PDB file of all heavy atoms in Angstrom:
ATOM      1  N   THR A   1     152.176 231.724-127.822  1.00  0.00           N
ATOM      2  CA  THR A   1     151.623 232.196-129.015  1.00  0.00           C
ATOM      3  C   THR A   1     150.103 232.590-128.843  1.00  0.00           C
ATOM      4  O   THR A   1     149.709 233.660-129.289  1.00  0.00           O
ATOM      5  CB  THR A   1     151.619 231.139-130.122  1.00  0.00           C
ATOM      6  OG1 THR A   1     152.989 230.767-130.328  1.00  0.00           O
ATOM      7  CG2 THR A   1     151.141 231.659-131.410  1.00  0.00           C
ATOM      8  N   ASN A   2     149.344 231.756-128.176  1.00  0.00           N
ATOM      9  CA  ASN A   2     147.953 231.992-128.013  1.00  0.00           C
ATOM     10  C   ASN A   2     147.760 233.269-127.092  1.00  0.00           C
ATOM     11  O   ASN A   2     146.975 234.053-127.323  1.00  0.00           O
ATOM     12  CB  ASN A   2     147.290 230.712-127.354  1.00  0.00           C
ATOM     13  CG  ASN A   2     147.128 229.623-128.170  1.00  0.00           C
ATOM     14  OD1 ASN A   2     147.265 229.841-129.463  1.00  0.00           O
ATOM     15  ND2 ASN A   2     147.041 228.347-127.785  1.00  0.00           N
ATOM     16  N   GLN A   3     148.543 233.342-126.082  1.00  0.00           N
ATOM     17  CA  GLN A   3     148.536 234.634-125.207  1.00  0.00           C
ATOM     18  C   GLN A   3     148.834 235.811-125.941  1.00  0.00           C
ATOM     19  O   GLN A   3     148.140 236.916-125.713  1.00  0.00           O
ATOM     20  CB  GLN A   3     149.416 234.315-123.915  1.00  0.00           C
ATOM     21  CG  GLN A   3     149.017 233.256-123.036  1.00  0.00           C
ATOM     22  CD  GLN A   3     150.070 232.994-121.940  1.00  0.00           C
ATOM     23  OE1 GLN A   3     151.132 233.557-121.992  1.00  0.00           O
ATOM     24  NE2 GLN A   3     149.683 232.176-121.061  1.00  0.00           N
ATOM     25  N   TYR A   4     149.782 235.775-126.931  1.00  0.00           N
ATOM     26  CA  TYR A   4     150.227 236.830-127.694  1.00  0.00           C
ATOM     27  C   TYR A   4     149.083 237.290-128.567  1.00  0.00           C
ATOM     28  O   TYR A   4     148.805 238.578-128.730  1.00  0.00           O
ATOM     29  CB  TYR A   4     151.539 236.531-128.426  1.00  0.00           C
ATOM     30  CG  TYR A   4     151.976 237.561-129.426  1.00  0.00           C
ATOM     31  CD1 TYR A   4     152.345 238.840-129.003  1.00  0.00           C
ATOM     32  CD2 TYR A   4     151.877 237.224-130.788  1.00  0.00           C
ATOM     33  CE1 TYR A   4     152.703 239.812-129.859  1.00  0.00           C
ATOM     34  CE2 TYR A   4     152.251 238.196-131.741  1.00  0.00           C
ATOM     35  CZ  TYR A   4     152.681 239.555-131.280  1.00  0.00           C
ATOM     36  OH  TYR A   4     153.109 240.519-132.151  1.00  0.00           O
ATOM     37  N   ILE A   5     148.490 236.348-129.209  1.00  0.00           N
ATOM     38  CA  ILE A   5     147.333 236.679-130.130  1.00  0.00           C
ATOM     39  C   ILE A   5     146.234 237.298-129.473  1.00  0.00           C
ATOM     40  O   ILE A   5     145.621 238.243-129.860  1.00  0.00           O
ATOM     41  CB  ILE A   5     146.913 235.347-130.864  1.00  0.00           C
ATOM     42  CG1 ILE A   5     148.077 234.891-131.806  1.00  0.00           C
ATOM     43  CG2 ILE A   5     145.613 235.469-131.665  1.00  0.00           C
ATOM     44  CD1 ILE A   5     147.829 233.594-132.366  1.00  0.00           C
ATOM     45  N   LEU A   6     145.935 236.720-128.202  1.00  0.00           N
ATOM     46  CA  LEU A   6     144.834 237.152-127.403  1.00  0.00           C
ATOM     47  C   LEU A   6     145.198 238.673-126.984  1.00  0.00           C
ATOM     48  O   LEU A   6     144.239 239.522-126.884  1.00  0.00           O
ATOM     49  CB  LEU A   6     144.489 236.375-126.153  1.00  0.00           C
ATOM     50  CG  LEU A   6     143.466 236.656-125.285  1.00  0.00           C
ATOM     51  CD1 LEU A   6     142.113 236.574-126.084  1.00  0.00           C
ATOM     52  CD2 LEU A   6     143.370 235.799-124.165  1.00  0.00           C
ATOM     53  N   ALA A   7     146.344 238.928-126.594  1.00  0.00           N
ATOM     54  CA  ALA A   7     146.715 240.212-126.144  1.00  0.00           C
ATOM     55  C   ALA A   7     146.491 241.250-127.294  1.00  0.00           C
ATOM     56  O   ALA A   7     146.079 242.420-127.133  1.00  0.00           O
ATOM     57  CB  ALA A   7     148.254 240.266-125.690  1.00  0.00           C
ATOM     58  N   LEU A   8     146.955 240.882-128.500  1.00  0.00           N
ATOM     59  CA  LEU A   8     146.704 241.730-129.702  1.00  0.00           C
ATOM     60  C   LEU A   8     145.258 241.941-129.981  1.00  0.00           C
ATOM     61  O   LEU A   8     144.871 243.142-130.182  1.00  0.00           O
ATOM     62  CB  LEU A   8     147.218 241.065-131.006  1.00  0.00           C
ATOM     63  CG  LEU A   8     148.782 240.883-131.108  1.00  0.00           C
ATOM     64  CD1 LEU A   8     149.160 240.078-132.228  1.00  0.00           C
ATOM     65  CD2 LEU A   8     149.455 242.348-131.226  1.00  0.00           C
ATOM     66  N   LYS A   9     144.293 240.963-129.736  1.00  0.00           N
ATOM     67  CA  LYS A   9     142.898 241.202-129.992  1.00  0.00           C
ATOM     68  C   LYS A   9     142.245 242.095-128.918  1.00  0.00           C
ATOM     69  O   LYS A   9     141.498 242.892-129.195  1.00  0.00           O
ATOM     70  CB  LYS A   9     142.228 239.886-130.016  1.00  0.00           C
ATOM     71  CG  LYS A   9     142.579 238.971-131.161  1.00  0.00           C
ATOM     72  CD  LYS A   9     141.671 237.564-131.195  1.00  0.00           C
ATOM     73  CE  LYS A   9     141.871 236.761-132.319  1.00  0.00           C
ATOM     74  NZ  LYS A   9     141.233 235.476-132.334  1.00  0.00           N
ATOM     75  N   ASN A  10     142.861 241.980-127.733  1.00  0.00           N
ATOM     76  CA  ASN A  10     142.286 242.820-126.634  1.00  0.00           C
ATOM     77  C   ASN A  10     142.876 244.064-126.310  1.00  0.00           C
ATOM     78  O   ASN A  10     142.705 244.860-125.351  1.00  0.00           O
ATOM     79  CB  ASN A  10     142.372 241.924-125.346  1.00  0.00           C
ATOM     80  CG  ASN A  10     141.581 240.761-125.285  1.00  0.00           C
ATOM     81  OD1 ASN A  10     140.567 240.727-126.162  1.00  0.00           O
ATOM     82  ND2 ASN A  10     141.810 239.765-124.524  1.00  0.00           N
ATOM     83  N   ASN A  11     143.988 244.384-127.289  1.00  0.00           N
ATOM     84  CA  ASN A  11     144.740 245.712-127.199  1.00  0.00           C
ATOM     85  C   ASN A  11     145.346 245.806-125.869  1.00  0.00           C
ATOM     86  O   ASN A  11     145.493 246.868-125.282  1.00  0.00           O
ATOM     87  CB  ASN A  11     143.660 246.942-127.338  1.00  0.00           C
ATOM     88  CG  ASN A  11     143.073 247.050-128.685  1.00  0.00           C
ATOM     89  OD1 ASN A  11     143.876 246.822-129.678  1.00  0.00           O
ATOM     90  ND2 ASN A  11     141.823 247.340-128.982  1.00  0.00           N
ATOM     91  N   SER A  12     145.962 244.708-125.469  1.00  0.00           N
ATOM     92  CA  SER A  12     146.566 244.663-124.125  1.00  0.00           C
ATOM     93  C   SER A  12     148.022 244.185-124.259  1.00  0.00           C
ATOM     94  O   SER A  12     148.716 243.476-123.490  1.00  0.00           O
ATOM     95  CB  SER A  12     145.913 243.674-123.195  1.00  0.00           C
ATOM     96  OG  SER A  12     145.829 242.435-123.716  1.00  0.00           O
ATOM     97  N   ILE A  13     148.604 244.379-125.506  1.00  0.00           N
ATOM     98  CA  ILE A  13     149.992 243.945-125.753  1.00  0.00           C
ATOM     99  C   ILE A  13     150.997 244.564-124.887  1.00  0.00           C
ATOM    100  O   ILE A  13     152.083 243.854-124.467  1.00  0.00           O
ATOM    101  CB  ILE A  13     150.336 244.289-127.181  1.00  0.00           C
ATOM    102  CG1 ILE A  13     151.504 243.501-127.614  1.00  0.00           C
ATOM    103  CG2 ILE A  13     150.578 245.720-127.537  1.00  0.00           C
ATOM    104  CD1 ILE A  13     151.289 241.914-127.709  1.00  0.00           C
ATOM    105  N   ASP A  14     150.818 245.818-124.353  1.00  0.00           N
ATOM    106  CA  ASP A  14     151.917 246.290-123.393  1.00  0.00           C
ATOM    107  C   ASP A  14     151.888 245.643-122.142  1.00  0.00           C
ATOM    108  O   ASP A  14     152.888 245.301-121.567  1.00  0.00           O
ATOM    109  CB  ASP A  14     151.430 247.883-123.153  1.00  0.00           C
ATOM    110  CG  ASP A  14     151.700 248.688-124.319  1.00  0.00           C
ATOM    111  OD1 ASP A  14     152.447 248.249-125.314  1.00  0.00           O
ATOM    112  OD2 ASP A  14     151.083 249.781-124.429  1.00  0.00           O
ATOM    113  N   GLU A  15     150.649 245.212-121.624  1.00  0.00           N
ATOM    114  CA  GLU A  15     150.624 244.480-120.399  1.00  0.00           C
ATOM    115  C   GLU A  15     151.253 243.075-120.571  1.00  0.00           C
ATOM    116  O   GLU A  15     151.956 242.638-119.713  1.00  0.00           O
ATOM    117  CB  GLU A  15     149.137 244.345-119.922  1.00  0.00           C
ATOM    118  CG  GLU A  15     148.520 245.494-119.407  1.00  0.00           C
ATOM    119  CD  GLU A  15     147.855 246.421-120.479  1.00  0.00           C
ATOM    120  OE1 GLU A  15     148.102 246.043-121.790  1.00  0.00           O
ATOM    121  OE2 GLU A  15     147.118 247.273-120.152  1.00  0.00           O
ATOM    122  N   PHE A  16     150.967 242.389-121.660  1.00  0.00           N
ATOM    123  CA  PHE A  16     151.609 241.175-122.056  1.00  0.00           C
ATOM    124  C   PHE A  16     153.109 241.318-122.038  1.00  0.00           C
ATOM    125  O   PHE A  16     153.837 240.486-121.341  1.00  0.00           O
ATOM    126  CB  PHE A  16     151.150 240.762-123.479  1.00  0.00           C
ATOM    127  CG  PHE A  16     151.763 239.508-123.974  1.00  0.00           C
ATOM    128  CD1 PHE A  16     151.442 238.288-123.559  1.00  0.00           C
ATOM    129  CD2 PHE A  16     152.873 239.520-124.818  1.00  0.00           C
ATOM    130  CE1 PHE A  16     152.005 237.100-124.130  1.00  0.00           C
ATOM    131  CE2 PHE A  16     153.487 238.466-125.259  1.00  0.00           C
ATOM    132  CZ  PHE A  16     152.992 237.213-124.821  1.00  0.00           C
ATOM    133  N   HIS A  17     153.660 242.318-122.638  1.00  0.00           N
ATOM    134  CA  HIS A  17     155.138 242.398-122.693  1.00  0.00           C
ATOM    135  C   HIS A  17     155.623 242.700-121.303  1.00  0.00           C
ATOM    136  O   HIS A  17     156.686 242.224-120.953  1.00  0.00           O
ATOM    137  CB  HIS A  17     155.545 243.669-123.621  1.00  0.00           C
ATOM    138  CG  HIS A  17     155.357 243.258-125.005  1.00  0.00           C
ATOM    139  ND1 HIS A  17     155.554 244.271-126.039  1.00  0.00           N
ATOM    140  CD2 HIS A  17     155.271 242.130-125.665  1.00  0.00           C
ATOM    141  CE1 HIS A  17     155.520 243.719-127.148  1.00  0.00           C
ATOM    142  NE2 HIS A  17     155.347 242.428-127.058  1.00  0.00           N
ATOM    143  N   GLU A  18     154.848 243.586-120.501  1.00  0.00           N
ATOM    144  CA  GLU A  18     155.511 243.873-119.147  1.00  0.00           C
ATOM    145  C   GLU A  18     155.548 242.760-118.232  1.00  0.00           C
ATOM    146  O   GLU A  18     156.499 242.561-117.528  1.00  0.00           O
ATOM    147  CB  GLU A  18     154.446 244.899-118.561  1.00  0.00           C
ATOM    148  CG  GLU A  18     154.984 245.493-117.250  1.00  0.00           C
ATOM    149  CD  GLU A  18     155.965 246.567-117.433  1.00  0.00           C
ATOM    150  OE1 GLU A  18     156.375 246.865-118.579  1.00  0.00           O
ATOM    151  OE2 GLU A  18     156.634 246.909-116.401  1.00  0.00           O
ATOM    152  N   GLN A  19     154.519 241.706-118.397  1.00  0.00           N
ATOM    153  CA  GLN A  19     154.526 240.596-117.544  1.00  0.00           C
ATOM    154  C   GLN A  19     155.813 239.760-117.812  1.00  0.00           C
ATOM    155  O   GLN A  19     156.477 239.209-116.931  1.00  0.00           O
ATOM    156  CB  GLN A  19     153.301 239.830-117.662  1.00  0.00           C
ATOM    157  CG  GLN A  19     152.087 240.402-117.005  1.00  0.00           C
ATOM    158  CD  GLN A  19     150.842 239.459-117.205  1.00  0.00           C
ATOM    159  OE1 GLN A  19     150.603 239.038-118.287  1.00  0.00           O
ATOM    160  NE2 GLN A  19     150.004 239.503-116.225  1.00  0.00           N
ATOM    161  N   TYR A  20     155.999 239.539-119.132  1.00  0.00           N
ATOM    162  CA  TYR A  20     157.034 238.689-119.582  1.00  0.00           C
ATOM    163  C   TYR A  20     158.464 239.137-119.400  1.00  0.00           C
ATOM    164  O   TYR A  20     159.410 238.537-119.029  1.00  0.00           O
ATOM    165  CB  TYR A  20     156.953 238.271-121.029  1.00  0.00           C
ATOM    166  CG  TYR A  20     156.073 236.876-121.223  1.00  0.00           C
ATOM    167  CD1 TYR A  20     154.735 237.152-121.378  1.00  0.00           C
ATOM    168  CD2 TYR A  20     156.503 235.745-121.123  1.00  0.00           C
ATOM    169  CE1 TYR A  20     153.777 236.051-121.569  1.00  0.00           C
ATOM    170  CE2 TYR A  20     155.691 234.560-121.269  1.00  0.00           C
ATOM    171  CZ  TYR A  20     154.351 234.700-121.420  1.00  0.00           C
ATOM    172  OH  TYR A  20     153.590 233.668-121.498  1.00  0.00           O
ATOM    173  N   ARG A  21     158.562 240.511-119.518  1.00  0.00           N
ATOM    174  CA  ARG A  21     159.824 241.305-119.509  1.00  0.00           C
ATOM    175  C   ARG A  21     160.297 241.312-118.034  1.00  0.00           C
ATOM    176  O   ARG A  21     161.413 241.540-117.736  1.00  0.00           O
ATOM    177  CB  ARG A  21     159.801 242.499-120.092  1.00  0.00           C
ATOM    178  CG  ARG A  21     159.736 242.573-121.616  1.00  0.00           C
ATOM    179  CD  ARG A  21     159.378 243.937-122.205  1.00  0.00           C
ATOM    180  NE  ARG A  21     159.579 243.902-123.624  1.00  0.00           N
ATOM    181  CZ  ARG A  21     159.149 244.888-124.424  1.00  0.00           C
ATOM    182  NH1 ARG A  21     158.413 245.929-123.902  1.00  0.00           N
ATOM    183  NH2 ARG A  21     159.318 244.836-125.777  1.00  0.00           N
ATOM    184  N   ASN A  22     159.460 241.171-117.088  1.00  0.00           N
ATOM    185  CA  ASN A  22     159.791 241.380-115.690  1.00  0.00           C
ATOM    186  C   ASN A  22     159.785 240.214-114.780  1.00  0.00           C
ATOM    187  O   ASN A  22     159.898 240.166-113.491  1.00  0.00           O
ATOM    188  CB  ASN A  22     158.913 242.455-115.012  1.00  0.00           C
ATOM    189  CG  ASN A  22     159.091 243.851-115.565  1.00  0.00           C
ATOM    190  OD1 ASN A  22     159.996 244.573-115.399  1.00  0.00           O
ATOM    191  ND2 ASN A  22     158.176 244.216-116.584  1.00  0.00           N
ATOM    192  N   THR A  23     159.787 239.011-115.485  1.00  0.00           N
ATOM    193  CA  THR A  23     159.895 237.719-114.610  1.00  0.00           C
ATOM    194  C   THR A  23     161.327 237.466-114.428  1.00  0.00           C
ATOM    195  O   THR A  23     162.290 237.818-115.223  1.00  0.00           O
ATOM    196  CB  THR A  23     159.245 236.653-115.402  1.00  0.00           C
ATOM    197  OG1 THR A  23     159.269 235.474-114.581  1.00  0.00           O
ATOM    198  CG2 THR A  23     159.989 236.144-116.633  1.00  0.00           C
ATOM    199  N   ASP A  24     161.657 236.681-113.321  1.00  0.00           N
ATOM    200  CA  ASP A  24     162.898 236.274-113.061  1.00  0.00           C
ATOM    201  C   ASP A  24     163.462 235.150-113.820  1.00  0.00           C
ATOM    202  O   ASP A  24     164.704 234.992-114.194  1.00  0.00           O
ATOM    203  CB  ASP A  24     163.101 235.963-111.578  1.00  0.00           C
ATOM    204  CG  ASP A  24     162.846 237.074-110.673  1.00  0.00           C
ATOM    205  OD1 ASP A  24     163.372 238.240-110.883  1.00  0.00           O
ATOM    206  OD2 ASP A  24     162.157 236.893-109.725  1.00  0.00           O
ATOM    207  N   PHE A  25     162.477 234.259-114.126  1.00  0.00           N
ATOM    208  CA  PHE A  25     162.773 233.008-114.871  1.00  0.00           C
ATOM    209  C   PHE A  25     161.741 232.918-116.058  1.00  0.00           C
ATOM    210  O   PHE A  25     160.416 232.893-115.687  1.00  0.00           O
ATOM    211  CB  PHE A  25     162.712 231.770-114.004  1.00  0.00           C
ATOM    212  CG  PHE A  25     163.975 231.441-113.362  1.00  0.00           C
ATOM    213  CD1 PHE A  25     164.260 232.065-112.163  1.00  0.00           C
ATOM    214  CD2 PHE A  25     164.781 230.339-113.733  1.00  0.00           C
ATOM    215  CE1 PHE A  25     165.373 231.887-111.477  1.00  0.00           C
ATOM    216  CE2 PHE A  25     166.003 229.998-113.145  1.00  0.00           C
ATOM    217  CZ  PHE A  25     166.248 230.832-111.899  1.00  0.00           C
ATOM    218  N   LEU A  26     162.119 232.736-117.286  1.00  0.00           N
ATOM    219  CA  LEU A  26     161.158 232.494-118.411  1.00  0.00           C
ATOM    220  C   LEU A  26     161.557 231.204-118.943  1.00  0.00           C
ATOM    221  O   LEU A  26     162.766 230.912-119.471  1.00  0.00           O
ATOM    222  CB  LEU A  26     161.282 233.584-119.467  1.00  0.00           C
ATOM    223  CG  LEU A  26     160.370 233.353-120.663  1.00  0.00           C
ATOM    224  CD1 LEU A  26     158.958 233.054-120.397  1.00  0.00           C
ATOM    225  CD2 LEU A  26     160.731 234.317-121.857  1.00  0.00           C
ATOM    226  N   LEU A  27     160.752 230.136-118.779  1.00  0.00           N
ATOM    227  CA  LEU A  27     160.880 228.876-119.331  1.00  0.00           C
ATOM    228  C   LEU A  27     159.692 228.459-120.354  1.00  0.00           C
ATOM    229  O   LEU A  27     158.640 228.639-120.061  1.00  0.00           O
ATOM    230  CB  LEU A  27     160.921 227.939-118.096  1.00  0.00           C
ATOM    231  CG  LEU A  27     161.836 228.196-117.000  1.00  0.00           C
ATOM    232  CD1 LEU A  27     161.119 228.832-115.826  1.00  0.00           C
ATOM    233  CD2 LEU A  27     162.506 226.884-116.524  1.00  0.00           C
TER     234      LEU A  27
END
């Protein structure tokens, strides 16, 4: 949640999504 909010504030939401969507394991 904190990383998502920070990404919104920094206008880096696309990078945030990209990192999470391309991991092999999300825990």
